C-alpha atoms as a PDB file:
ATOM      1  CA  MET A   1    -186.295 129.870 158.979  1.00  0.00           C
ATOM      2  CA  THR A   2    -186.909 128.929 155.355  1.00  0.00           C
ATOM      3  CA  ARG A   3    -184.181 129.259 152.738  1.00  0.00           C
ATOM      4  CA  ILE A   4    -185.320 130.391 149.283  1.00  0.00           C
ATOM      5  CA  LEU A   5    -183.155 129.079 146.451  1.00  0.00           C
ATOM      6  CA  ALA A   6    -183.778 130.677 143.070  1.00  0.00           C
ATOM      7  CA  HIS A   7    -182.443 129.559 139.687  1.00  0.00           C
ATOM      8  CA  HIS A   8    -179.151 131.456 139.997  1.00  0.00           C
ATOM      9  CA  ASP A   9    -178.557 130.028 143.481  1.00  0.00           C
ATOM     10  CA  LEU A  10    -179.126 126.462 142.281  1.00  0.00           C
ATOM     11  CA  ILE A  11    -176.806 126.866 139.296  1.00  0.00           C
ATOM     12  CA  ALA A  12    -174.086 127.960 141.720  1.00  0.00           C
ATOM     13  CA  LEU A  13    -174.812 125.113 144.141  1.00  0.00           C
ATOM     14  CA  LEU A  14    -175.346 122.048 141.946  1.00  0.00           C
ATOM     15  CA  ASP A  15    -172.405 119.990 140.711  1.00  0.00           C
ATOM     16  CA  PRO A  16    -173.176 117.510 137.881  1.00  0.00           C
ATOM     17  CA  ASN A  17    -170.912 114.768 139.229  1.00  0.00           C
ATOM     18  CA  ALA A  18    -172.367 115.006 142.735  1.00  0.00           C
ATOM     19  CA  CYS A  19    -175.896 114.995 141.305  1.00  0.00           C
ATOM     20  CA  ILE A  20    -175.236 111.904 139.185  1.00  0.00           C
ATOM     21  CA  GLU A  21    -173.790 110.122 142.211  1.00  0.00           C
ATOM     22  CA  ALA A  22    -176.842 111.064 144.328  1.00  0.00           C
ATOM     23  CA  LEU A  23    -179.216 109.831 141.619  1.00  0.00           C
ATOM     24  CA  HIS A  24    -177.268 106.594 141.160  1.00  0.00           C
ATOM     25  CA  ASP A  25    -177.441 105.978 144.899  1.00  0.00           C
ATOM     26  CA  GLY A  26    -181.129 106.914 144.921  1.00  0.00           C
ATOM     27  CA  PHE A  27    -182.049 104.351 142.265  1.00  0.00           C
ATOM     28  CA  ILE A  28    -180.374 101.679 144.376  1.00  0.00           C
ATOM     29  CA  ARG A  29    -182.022 102.751 147.657  1.00  0.00           C
ATOM     30  CA  SER A  30    -185.434 103.982 146.521  1.00  0.00           C
ATOM     31  CA  ASP A  31    -187.196 100.626 146.949  1.00  0.00           C
ATOM     32  CA  ALA A  32    -186.304 100.628 150.649  1.00  0.00           C
ATOM     33  CA  VAL A  33    -188.911 103.348 151.352  1.00  0.00           C
ATOM     34  CA  ALA A  34    -192.275 101.887 152.352  1.00  0.00           C
ATOM     35  CA  VAL A  35    -194.308 104.957 151.327  1.00  0.00           C
ATOM     36  CA  PRO A  36    -194.641 105.137 147.526  1.00  0.00           C
ATOM     37  CA  GLY A  37    -194.338 108.476 145.762  1.00  0.00           C
ATOM     38  CA  GLN A  38    -197.350 109.781 143.903  1.00  0.00           C
ATOM     39  CA  ARG A  39    -197.516 111.796 140.705  1.00  0.00           C
ATOM     40  CA  ILE A  40    -200.797 113.683 140.280  1.00  0.00           C
ATOM     41  CA  ARG A  41    -201.650 115.504 137.069  1.00  0.00           C
ATOM     42  CA  THR A  42    -204.715 117.442 135.973  1.00  0.00           C
ATOM     43  CA  ASP A  43    -205.851 119.421 132.968  1.00  0.00           C
ATOM     44  CA  LEU A  44    -206.646 123.095 133.431  1.00  0.00           C
ATOM     45  CA  PRO A  45    -209.131 125.503 131.794  1.00  0.00           C
ATOM     46  CA  PHE A  46    -206.020 127.160 130.349  1.00  0.00           C
ATOM     47  CA  PRO A  47    -203.464 125.978 127.750  1.00  0.00           C
ATOM     48  CA  GLY A  48    -201.497 123.975 130.301  1.00  0.00           C
ATOM     49  CA  THR A  49    -201.524 121.273 132.977  1.00  0.00           C
ATOM     50  CA  ALA A  50    -200.802 121.125 136.701  1.00  0.00           C
ATOM     51  CA  THR A  51    -198.682 118.395 138.273  1.00  0.00           C
ATOM     52  CA  ALA A  52    -197.832 117.552 141.883  1.00  0.00           C
ATOM     53  CA  LEU A  53    -195.239 115.020 143.061  1.00  0.00           C
ATOM     54  CA  ILE A  54    -195.527 113.896 146.678  1.00  0.00           C
ATOM     55  CA  PRO A  55    -193.755 112.779 148.811  1.00  0.00           C
ATOM     56  CA  GLY A  56    -190.117 112.706 147.740  1.00  0.00           C
ATOM     57  CA  LEU A  57    -188.523 110.223 150.150  1.00  0.00           C
ATOM     58  CA  LEU A  58    -185.194 108.387 150.360  1.00  0.00           C
ATOM     59  CA  SER A  59    -183.818 106.241 153.138  1.00  0.00           C
ATOM     60  CA  GLY A  60    -181.044 108.060 154.949  1.00  0.00           C
ATOM     61  CA  ILE A  61    -182.439 111.547 154.326  1.00  0.00           C
ATOM     62  CA  ASP A  62    -184.470 112.955 157.195  1.00  0.00           C
ATOM     63  CA  ALA A  63    -186.595 115.196 154.985  1.00  0.00           C
ATOM     64  CA  TYR A  64    -189.165 115.012 152.212  1.00  0.00           C
ATOM     65  CA  THR A  65    -190.241 117.100 149.225  1.00  0.00           C
ATOM     66  CA  VAL A  66    -193.524 118.244 147.736  1.00  0.00           C
ATOM     67  CA  LYS A  67    -193.377 119.632 144.187  1.00  0.00           C
ATOM     68  CA  VAL A  68    -196.043 121.648 142.399  1.00  0.00           C
ATOM     69  CA  ASN A  69    -195.525 122.439 138.707  1.00  0.00           C
ATOM     70  CA  ALA A  70    -197.370 124.317 135.994  1.00  0.00           C
ATOM     71  CA  LYS A  71    -196.676 123.053 132.457  1.00  0.00           C
ATOM     72  CA  PHE A  72    -197.551 125.443 129.652  1.00  0.00           C
ATOM     73  CA  PRO A  73    -195.935 124.236 126.406  1.00  0.00           C
ATOM     74  CA  GLY A  74    -196.264 127.617 124.685  1.00  0.00           C
ATOM     75  CA  ALA A  75    -194.521 129.528 127.465  1.00  0.00           C
ATOM     76  CA  ARG A  76    -190.811 130.126 128.010  1.00  0.00           C
ATOM     77  CA  PRO A  77    -189.926 128.506 130.293  1.00  0.00           C
ATOM     78  CA  ALA A  78    -192.595 125.887 129.748  1.00  0.00           C
ATOM     79  CA  LEU A  79    -192.351 124.605 133.310  1.00  0.00           C
ATOM     80  CA  ARG A  80    -192.669 126.780 136.415  1.00  0.00           C
ATOM     81  CA  GLY A  81    -193.200 125.866 140.019  1.00  0.00           C
ATOM     82  CA  VAL A  82    -191.740 125.294 143.435  1.00  0.00           C
ATOM     83  CA  ILE A  83    -190.290 122.422 145.448  1.00  0.00           C
ATOM     84  CA  CYS A  84    -190.963 122.492 149.182  1.00  0.00           C
ATOM     85  CA  LEU A  85    -188.304 120.772 151.280  1.00  0.00           C
ATOM     86  CA  HIS A  86    -189.672 119.784 154.692  1.00  0.00           C
ATOM     87  CA  SER A  87    -187.972 118.416 157.779  1.00  0.00           C
ATOM     88  CA  GLY A  88    -188.884 114.817 158.534  1.00  0.00           C
ATOM     89  CA  GLN A  89    -188.683 115.570 162.253  1.00  0.00           C
ATOM     90  CA  ASP A  90    -191.320 118.261 162.642  1.00  0.00           C
ATOM     91  CA  GLY A  91    -192.419 119.292 159.140  1.00  0.00           C
ATOM     92  CA  GLU A  92    -190.500 122.586 159.223  1.00  0.00           C
ATOM     93  CA  LEU A  93    -190.284 124.129 155.763  1.00  0.00           C
ATOM     94  CA  LEU A  94    -186.521 124.089 155.300  1.00  0.00           C
ATOM     95  CA  ALA A  95    -186.392 125.495 151.788  1.00  0.00           C
ATOM     96  CA  LEU A  96    -188.347 126.626 148.755  1.00  0.00           C
ATOM     97  CA  LEU A  97    -186.515 125.776 145.529  1.00  0.00           C
ATOM     98  CA  ASP A  98    -187.138 126.712 141.905  1.00  0.00           C
ATOM     99  CA  SER A  99    -188.642 123.541 140.467  1.00  0.00           C
ATOM    100  CA  ALA A 100    -187.777 124.271 136.831  1.00  0.00           C
ATOM    101  CA  THR A 101    -184.066 124.097 137.640  1.00  0.00           C
ATOM    102  CA  ILE A 102    -184.218 121.059 139.925  1.00  0.00           C
ATOM    103  CA  THR A 103    -186.529 119.241 137.492  1.00  0.00           C
ATOM    104  CA  ALA A 104    -184.274 119.871 134.492  1.00  0.00           C
ATOM    105  CA  TRP A 105    -181.189 118.726 136.379  1.00  0.00           C
ATOM    106  CA  ARG A 106    -182.657 115.611 137.975  1.00  0.00           C
ATOM    107  CA  THR A 107    -184.534 114.598 134.819  1.00  0.00           C
ATOM    108  CA  GLY A 108    -181.667 115.192 132.408  1.00  0.00           C
ATOM    109  CA  LEU A 109    -178.964 113.665 134.586  1.00  0.00           C
ATOM    110  CA  ALA A 110    -181.091 110.647 135.566  1.00  0.00           C
ATOM    111  CA  ALA A 111    -181.774 110.094 131.862  1.00  0.00           C
ATOM    112  CA  ALA A 112    -178.040 110.326 131.166  1.00  0.00           C
ATOM    113  CA  LEU A 113    -177.429 107.689 133.840  1.00  0.00           C
ATOM    114  CA  GLY A 114    -180.058 105.347 132.374  1.00  0.00           C
ATOM    115  CA  THR A 115    -178.690 105.914 128.882  1.00  0.00           C
ATOM    116  CA  HIS A 116    -175.145 105.121 129.964  1.00  0.00           C
ATOM    117  CA  VAL A 117    -176.218 101.934 131.753  1.00  0.00           C
ATOM    118  CA  LEU A 118    -178.208 100.580 128.790  1.00  0.00           C
ATOM    119  CA  ALA A 119    -176.251 101.758 125.746  1.00  0.00           C
ATOM    120  CA  ALA A 120    -173.634  99.528 124.146  1.00  0.00           C
ATOM    121  CA  VAL A 121    -170.041 100.163 125.169  1.00  0.00           C
ATOM    122  CA  ASP A 122    -167.204  99.791 122.663  1.00  0.00           C
ATOM    123  CA  PRO A 123    -163.906 100.978 124.207  1.00  0.00           C
ATOM    124  CA  GLU A 124    -162.425 101.426 120.746  1.00  0.00           C
ATOM    125  CA  GLU A 125    -165.109 103.811 119.485  1.00  0.00           C
ATOM    126  CA  ARG A 126    -166.768 107.038 120.483  1.00  0.00           C
ATOM    127  CA  ALA A 127    -170.533 106.719 120.060  1.00  0.00           C
ATOM    128  CA  VAL A 128    -172.302 109.332 117.955  1.00  0.00           C
ATOM    129  CA  LEU A 129    -174.948 111.067 120.043  1.00  0.00           C
ATOM    130  CA  GLY A 130    -178.265 112.246 118.578  1.00  0.00           C
ATOM    131  CA  VAL A 131    -180.611 114.752 120.210  1.00  0.00           C
ATOM    132  CA  ILE A 132    -184.238 115.291 119.209  1.00  0.00           C
ATOM    133  CA  GLY A 133    -185.682 118.258 121.092  1.00  0.00           C
ATOM    134  CA  ALA A 134    -183.051 120.838 121.994  1.00  0.00           C
ATOM    135  CA  GLY A 135    -184.433 122.060 125.319  1.00  0.00           C
ATOM    136  CA  ALA A 136    -183.180 122.356 128.897  1.00  0.00           C
ATOM    137  CA  GLN A 137    -183.449 118.653 129.681  1.00  0.00           C
ATOM    138  CA  ALA A 138    -181.465 117.734 126.568  1.00  0.00           C
ATOM    139  CA  GLU A 139    -178.731 120.134 127.730  1.00  0.00           C
ATOM    140  CA  LEU A 140    -178.397 118.225 130.993  1.00  0.00           C
ATOM    141  CA  MET A 141    -178.614 114.828 129.271  1.00  0.00           C
ATOM    142  CA  VAL A 142    -175.670 115.697 127.023  1.00  0.00           C
ATOM    143  CA  LEU A 143    -173.717 117.219 129.920  1.00  0.00           C
ATOM    144  CA  GLY A 144    -174.322 114.170 132.098  1.00  0.00           C
ATOM    145  CA  LEU A 145    -173.608 111.586 129.408  1.00  0.00           C
ATOM    146  CA  ARG A 146    -170.289 113.228 128.628  1.00  0.00           C
ATOM    147  CA  ARG A 147    -169.387 112.886 132.304  1.00  0.00           C
ATOM    148  CA  LEU A 148    -170.151 109.161 132.147  1.00  0.00           C
ATOM    149  CA  ARG A 149    -168.690 107.977 128.818  1.00  0.00           C
ATOM    150  CA  ARG A 150    -166.720 108.904 125.722  1.00  0.00           C
ATOM    151  CA  VAL A 151    -168.932 110.570 123.119  1.00  0.00           C
ATOM    152  CA  GLY A 152    -167.999 111.270 119.519  1.00  0.00           C
ATOM    153  CA  GLY A 153    -170.068 113.357 117.125  1.00  0.00           C
ATOM    154  CA  LEU A 154    -173.345 115.081 117.930  1.00  0.00           C
ATOM    155  CA  VAL A 155    -176.372 115.586 115.656  1.00  0.00           C
ATOM    156  CA  VAL A 156    -179.405 117.649 116.692  1.00  0.00           C
ATOM    157  CA  HIS A 157    -182.944 118.210 115.451  1.00  0.00           C
ATOM    158  CA  ASP A 158    -185.630 120.505 116.823  1.00  0.00           C
ATOM    159  CA  ILE A 159    -188.879 121.853 115.384  1.00  0.00           C
ATOM    160  CA  ASP A 160    -187.201 125.256 115.795  1.00  0.00           C
ATOM    161  CA  PRO A 161    -184.169 125.117 113.443  1.00  0.00           C
ATOM    162  CA  ALA A 162    -182.536 128.113 115.122  1.00  0.00           C
ATOM    163  CA  ARG A 163    -182.707 126.428 118.524  1.00  0.00           C
ATOM    164  CA  ALA A 164    -181.229 123.228 117.065  1.00  0.00           C
ATOM    165  CA  ALA A 165    -178.390 125.174 115.460  1.00  0.00           C
ATOM    166  CA  SER A 166    -177.678 127.014 118.709  1.00  0.00           C
ATOM    167  CA  PHE A 167    -177.660 123.763 120.692  1.00  0.00           C
ATOM    168  CA  ALA A 168    -175.328 122.129 118.173  1.00  0.00           C
ATOM    169  CA  ALA A 169    -172.946 125.094 118.284  1.00  0.00           C
ATOM    170  CA  ARG A 170    -172.780 125.012 122.099  1.00  0.00           C
ATOM    171  CA  HIS A 171    -172.002 121.295 122.160  1.00  0.00           C
ATOM    172  CA  GLY A 172    -169.731 120.954 119.139  1.00  0.00           C
ATOM    173  CA  GLY A 173    -172.185 119.211 116.824  1.00  0.00           C
ATOM    174  CA  HIS A 174    -174.371 120.033 113.850  1.00  0.00           C
ATOM    175  CA  SER A 175    -178.102 120.252 113.218  1.00  0.00           C
ATOM    176  CA  VAL A 176    -180.128 118.148 110.769  1.00  0.00           C
ATOM    177  CA  GLY A 177    -183.576 118.459 109.239  1.00  0.00           C
ATOM    178  CA  SER A 178    -185.534 115.576 110.783  1.00  0.00           C
ATOM    179  CA  ALA A 179    -185.778 113.137 113.672  1.00  0.00           C
ATOM    180  CA  ALA A 180    -185.248 110.238 111.269  1.00  0.00           C
ATOM    181  CA  GLU A 181    -181.976 111.765 110.094  1.00  0.00           C
ATOM    182  CA  VAL A 182    -180.777 111.964 113.693  1.00  0.00           C
ATOM    183  CA  ALA A 183    -181.569 108.284 114.212  1.00  0.00           C
ATOM    184  CA  ALA A 184    -179.836 107.344 110.951  1.00  0.00           C
ATOM    185  CA  ARG A 185    -176.574 108.943 112.091  1.00  0.00           C
ATOM    186  CA  ALA A 186    -176.527 108.333 115.830  1.00  0.00           C
ATOM    187  CA  ASP A 187    -175.626 105.330 117.973  1.00  0.00           C
ATOM    188  CA  ILE A 188    -177.409 106.809 120.996  1.00  0.00           C
ATOM    189  CA  VAL A 189    -180.598 108.854 120.523  1.00  0.00           C
ATOM    190  CA  LEU A 190    -182.047 111.150 123.185  1.00  0.00           C
ATOM    191  CA  LEU A 191    -185.596 112.465 122.726  1.00  0.00           C
ATOM    192  CA  ALA A 192    -186.976 115.245 124.927  1.00  0.00           C
ATOM    193  CA  THR A 193    -190.007 116.744 123.182  1.00  0.00           C
ATOM    194  CA  TRP A 194    -193.672 117.620 123.625  1.00  0.00           C
ATOM    195  CA  SER A 195    -194.660 115.308 120.749  1.00  0.00           C
ATOM    196  CA  ARG A 196    -198.031 113.554 120.707  1.00  0.00           C
ATOM    197  CA  THR A 197    -197.285 111.500 117.594  1.00  0.00           C
ATOM    198  CA  PRO A 198    -194.376 109.060 117.056  1.00  0.00           C
ATOM    199  CA  LEU A 199    -191.164 110.709 115.885  1.00  0.00           C
ATOM    200  CA  LEU A 200    -189.339 107.422 115.231  1.00  0.00           C
ATOM    201  CA  ARG A 201    -190.581 104.113 113.839  1.00  0.00           C
ATOM    202  CA  LEU A 202    -188.798 100.777 113.826  1.00  0.00           C
ATOM    203  CA  ALA A 203    -187.511 101.347 110.286  1.00  0.00           C
ATOM    204  CA  ASP A 204    -185.786 104.516 111.519  1.00  0.00           C
ATOM    205  CA  THR A 205    -183.751 102.553 114.075  1.00  0.00           C
ATOM    206  CA  ARG A 206    -181.181  99.792 113.820  1.00  0.00           C
ATOM    207  CA  PRO A 207    -179.887  96.864 115.906  1.00  0.00           C
ATOM    208  CA  GLY A 208    -177.477  97.878 118.653  1.00  0.00           C
ATOM    209  CA  GLN A 209    -178.922 101.369 118.942  1.00  0.00           C
ATOM    210  CA  HIS A 210    -180.025 102.840 122.258  1.00  0.00           C
ATOM    211  CA  ILE A 211    -182.922 105.298 122.552  1.00  0.00           C
ATOM    212  CA  THR A 212    -183.973 107.309 125.605  1.00  0.00           C
ATOM    213  CA  SER A 213    -187.491 108.740 125.385  1.00  0.00           C
ATOM    214  CA  LEU A 214    -187.712 111.477 127.995  1.00  0.00           C
ATOM    215  CA  GLY A 215    -190.704 113.475 126.818  1.00  0.00           C
ATOM    216  CA  VAL A 216    -193.447 110.940 127.587  1.00  0.00           C
ATOM    217  CA  ASP A 217    -194.270 111.997 131.133  1.00  0.00           C
ATOM    218  CA  GLU A 218    -198.036 112.443 130.941  1.00  0.00           C
ATOM    219  CA  PRO A 219    -200.978 110.883 129.069  1.00  0.00           C
ATOM    220  CA  GLY A 220    -201.194 111.612 125.348  1.00  0.00           C
ATOM    221  CA  LYS A 221    -197.491 112.244 124.718  1.00  0.00           C
ATOM    222  CA  GLN A 222    -195.620 109.835 122.439  1.00  0.00           C
ATOM    223  CA  GLU A 223    -192.166 109.908 120.869  1.00  0.00           C
ATOM    224  CA  LEU A 224    -191.677 106.294 119.728  1.00  0.00           C
ATOM    225  CA  ALA A 225    -193.949 104.028 117.721  1.00  0.00           C
ATOM    226  CA  ASP A 226    -195.251 100.956 119.539  1.00  0.00           C
ATOM    227  CA  GLU A 227    -193.169  98.687 117.315  1.00  0.00           C
ATOM    228  CA  VAL A 228    -189.957 100.294 118.589  1.00  0.00           C
ATOM    229  CA  LEU A 229    -190.848  99.476 122.195  1.00  0.00           C
ATOM    230  CA  GLU A 230    -191.834  95.922 121.299  1.00  0.00           C
ATOM    231  CA  ALA A 231    -188.576  95.244 119.427  1.00  0.00           C
ATOM    232  CA  ALA A 232    -186.284  96.499 122.207  1.00  0.00           C
ATOM    233  CA  LEU A 233    -185.195  95.661 125.711  1.00  0.00           C
ATOM    234  CA  LEU A 234    -187.399  98.223 127.446  1.00  0.00           C
ATOM    235  CA  ALA A 235    -186.446  99.670 130.824  1.00  0.00           C
ATOM    236  CA  VAL A 236    -188.363 102.289 132.809  1.00  0.00           C
ATOM    237  CA  ASP A 237    -187.911 104.041 136.149  1.00  0.00           C
ATOM    238  CA  ASP A 238    -191.230 102.805 137.591  1.00  0.00           C
ATOM    239  CA  ARG A 239    -193.477 100.184 135.985  1.00  0.00           C
ATOM    240  CA  PRO A 240    -196.902 101.260 137.376  1.00  0.00           C
ATOM    241  CA  LEU A 241    -196.221 104.907 136.553  1.00  0.00           C
ATOM    242  CA  ALA A 242    -194.991 104.086 133.044  1.00  0.00           C
ATOM    243  CA  ALA A 243    -198.197 102.050 132.506  1.00  0.00           C
ATOM    244  CA  ALA A 244    -200.370 104.876 133.821  1.00  0.00           C
ATOM    245  CA  MET A 245    -198.874 107.851 131.984  1.00  0.00           C
ATOM    246  CA  GLY A 246    -195.541 106.951 130.382  1.00  0.00           C
ATOM    247  CA  VAL A 247    -194.228 104.992 127.392  1.00  0.00           C
ATOM    248  CA  LEU A 248    -196.250 101.891 128.272  1.00  0.00           C
ATOM    249  CA  ALA A 249    -199.494 103.858 128.521  1.00  0.00           C
ATOM    250  CA  THR A 250    -199.134 105.378 125.056  1.00  0.00           C
ATOM    251  CA  ALA A 251    -198.624 101.914 123.574  1.00  0.00           C
ATOM    252  CA  GLY A 252    -201.432 100.344 125.596  1.00  0.00           C
ATOM    253  CA  LEU A 253    -198.962  97.961 127.215  1.00  0.00           C
ATOM    254  CA  PRO A 254    -199.207  96.588 130.770  1.00  0.00           C
ATOM    255  CA  ALA A 255    -196.638  97.308 133.478  1.00  0.00           C
ATOM    256  CA  GLU A 256    -194.982  93.911 133.023  1.00  0.00           C
ATOM    257  CA  ALA A 257    -194.115  94.774 129.403  1.00  0.00           C
ATOM    258  CA  ALA A 258    -191.112  96.660 130.772  1.00  0.00           C
ATOM    259  CA  GLN A 259    -188.427  94.029 131.188  1.00  0.00           C
ATOM    260  CA  ALA A 260    -186.538  96.025 133.808  1.00  0.00           C
ATOM    261  CA  THR A 261    -186.362  99.168 135.879  1.00  0.00           C
ATOM    262  CA  LEU A 262    -183.173 101.177 136.120  1.00  0.00           C
ATOM    263  CA  GLY A 263    -183.059 100.419 139.841  1.00  0.00           C
ATOM    264  CA  GLU A 264    -183.167  96.669 139.149  1.00  0.00           C
ATOM    265  CA  ILE A 265    -180.281  96.961 136.706  1.00  0.00           C
ATOM    266  CA  LEU A 266    -178.159  99.072 139.071  1.00  0.00           C
ATOM    267  CA  ARG A 267    -178.835  96.670 141.952  1.00  0.00           C
ATOM    268  CA  GLY A 268    -177.804  93.705 139.790  1.00  0.00           C
ATOM    269  CA  GLU A 269    -181.294  92.194 139.759  1.00  0.00           C
ATOM    270  CA  HIS A 270    -181.490  92.414 135.943  1.00  0.00           C
ATOM    271  CA  PRO A 271    -178.512  92.157 133.562  1.00  0.00           C
ATOM    272  CA  GLY A 272    -179.611  95.010 131.311  1.00  0.00           C
ATOM    273  CA  ARG A 273    -178.132  94.864 127.820  1.00  0.00           C
ATOM    274  CA  THR A 274    -176.692  91.411 127.116  1.00  0.00           C
ATOM    275  CA  ASP A 275    -175.822  91.752 123.420  1.00  0.00           C
ATOM    276  CA  PRO A 276    -174.099  94.618 121.556  1.00  0.00           C
ATOM    277  CA  GLY A 277    -176.606  94.084 118.737  1.00  0.00           C
ATOM    278  CA  GLN A 278    -179.626  94.456 120.984  1.00  0.00           C
ATOM    279  CA  ARG A 279    -181.930  97.457 120.673  1.00  0.00           C
ATOM    280  CA  THR A 280    -182.527  99.140 124.037  1.00  0.00           C
ATOM    281  CA  VAL A 281    -184.997 101.806 125.125  1.00  0.00           C
ATOM    282  CA  TYR A 282    -185.138 103.741 128.389  1.00  0.00           C
ATOM    283  CA  GLY A 283    -188.490 105.434 129.040  1.00  0.00           C
ATOM    284  CA  PRO A 284    -188.541 107.244 132.399  1.00  0.00           C
ATOM    285  CA  VAL A 285    -191.411 109.332 133.749  1.00  0.00           C
ATOM    286  CA  GLY A 286    -189.641 111.006 136.689  1.00  0.00           C
ATOM    287  CA  LEU A 287    -190.036 110.121 140.363  1.00  0.00           C
ATOM    288  CA  PRO A 288    -190.591 112.218 143.505  1.00  0.00           C
ATOM    289  CA  TRP A 289    -187.467 110.924 145.275  1.00  0.00           C
ATOM    290  CA  GLN A 290    -185.330 112.423 142.498  1.00  0.00           C
ATOM    291  CA  ASP A 291    -186.525 115.889 143.538  1.00  0.00           C
ATOM    292  CA  LEU A 292    -185.451 115.150 147.105  1.00  0.00           C
ATOM    293  CA  ALA A 293    -182.036 113.819 146.075  1.00  0.00           C
ATOM    294  CA  LEU A 294    -181.052 117.067 144.362  1.00  0.00           C
ATOM    295  CA  ALA A 295    -182.991 119.435 146.623  1.00  0.00           C
ATOM    296  CA  TRP A 296    -181.214 117.958 149.649  1.00  0.00           C
ATOM    297  CA  LEU A 297    -177.813 118.363 147.983  1.00  0.00           C
ATOM    298  CA  ALA A 298    -178.582 121.990 147.125  1.00  0.00           C
ATOM    299  CA  TYR A 299    -179.961 122.773 150.583  1.00  0.00           C
ATOM    300  CA  GLN A 300    -176.978 121.307 152.424  1.00  0.00           C
ATOM    301  CA  GLU A 301    -174.531 123.185 150.205  1.00  0.00           C
ATOM    302  CA  ALA A 302    -176.521 126.410 150.597  1.00  0.00           C
ATOM    303  CA  GLU A 303    -176.414 126.025 154.384  1.00  0.00           C
ATOM    304  CA  CYS A 304    -172.630 125.658 154.260  1.00  0.00           C
ATOM    305  CA  ARG A 305    -172.100 128.579 151.877  1.00  0.00           C
ATOM    306  CA  GLY A 306    -174.868 130.870 153.062  1.00  0.00           C
ATOM    307  CA  LEU A 307    -176.475 131.165 149.635  1.00  0.00           C
ATOM    308  CA  GLY A 308    -180.109 132.025 149.033  1.00  0.00           C
ATOM    309  CA  VAL A 309    -182.409 134.215 151.083  1.00  0.00           C
ATOM    310  CA  GLU A 310    -183.613 133.241 154.545  1.00  0.00           C
ATOM    311  CA  VAL A 311    -187.141 134.246 155.533  1.00  0.00           C
ATOM    312  CA  ASP A 312    -189.314 133.614 158.559  1.00  0.00           C
ATOM    313  CA  LEU A 313    -192.614 132.558 157.013  1.00  0.00           C
ATOM    314  CA  LEU A 314    -194.236 132.221 160.431  1.00  0.00           C
ATOM    315  CA  GLY A 315    -193.094 135.535 161.842  1.00  0.00           C
ATOM    316  CA  PRO A 316    -194.637 139.007 161.359  1.00  0.00           C
ATOM    317  CA  PRO A 317    -193.546 140.994 158.304  1.00  0.00           C
ATOM    318  CA  PRO A 318    -190.922 143.727 158.844  1.00  0.00           C
ATOM    319  CA  GLY A 319    -192.399 146.860 160.393  1.00  0.00           C
ATOM    320  CA  SER A 320    -195.622 145.181 161.476  1.00  0.00           C
ATOM    321  CA  VAL A 321    -197.141 145.787 164.902  1.00  0.00           C
ATOM    322  CA  SER A 322    -197.669 142.758 167.120  1.00  0.00           C
ATOM    323  CA  PRO A 323    -200.794 142.493 169.283  1.00  0.00           C
ATOM    324  CA  GLY A 324    -200.282 144.387 172.538  1.00  0.00           C
ATOM    325  CA  ASP A 325    -197.571 146.678 171.127  1.00  0.00           C
ATOM    326  CA  ASP A 326    -199.841 149.736 170.783  1.00  0.00           C
END
C-alpha cells in the first residue's frame, strides 16, 4: 500500500524542532553515503523549469526518495510536484508526498540551521533579522531561526509591498522599501528570491554581518554581488553543486572557493566563524537527502497516527472486473 500525504497532512505531521534535529543529524551523516545525490534541471517550452532530485539517501534510513518538481515563477504556488518515498528493501512505493510542502520546510529550516551556525552570537543582544523575499521558504527560515536563537527586531522587503507588509505583521516586524535598507538595519539577512541580478553589493553590507542566500538554486539566479562572496567566509551545502548551479556558479568561482560546507562545520572539521567582525555567507542549493530526512519523519508519524490516504497502486480500481471473473 502507498500512503498519500497532501499539504494539510504534512502540516499536521511535521514538527519544526524534530525537523531541525533530523537535518542537523543529516548534515553530519550525509558524507557516509557512497552514492552521491544528483540534481537534474531542464528548461521547458513553457514559462518554467523542471527539476528532479535523486536519490535521497541517508545512512540509517532504509529508504530513498525521488523528487520531481515543476517551477513556474509566475504561478501560485510557484513550485509543484511530488516526492516518492521508496523502500530500500524491495523498492515498494511507501508514500507520495506533496513536494512543495516538504521542500519549503527542509529548505527553510536547513537554511535557518546554517544561518544559526555561521552568524555571530552575542548573549547580551538580540540580533535584528532582515528578510528579502517574503515567500514560503522565508516563513520557515524565520520560524526555524527563532527556535535556534534569540532574535530581536525584524525588517522585511519584497517586490510585492503588500506581501512584505503581511509577512511583517505575522512575525512582529515592519516592511521597508528596498533590499539595501534591510541590509542597513539587520545583523542577519535572509534572501529567498527569484532574482537574476544582485540585490546586495559589498557597500550594502558591513563587517560582522551574516547573509544567507537561499534563492540561487539554479543557473542564472543571483542575489549577491561577486564582491560580497569574495569578502566573506563562504559556506555552502555542497561544493560541486554550488559550482555547477549555485552561488559559486553565478560568480564564476570554482568549487574550492567555498571555504567550508555546513557538514564540515557541524562535524568540527572547519571552525566556521572565528571573529565576531567577520562577514559570513551561507549559500545552499538544496540536497536530495534533505527530502528523505523530512519525508521519512512525516511517513513514520503518519503510520503511527493513520493520517493520509492509503491506496493500492498495483491493485485493480474499485468495481473493476478481474480476468476470469465473467
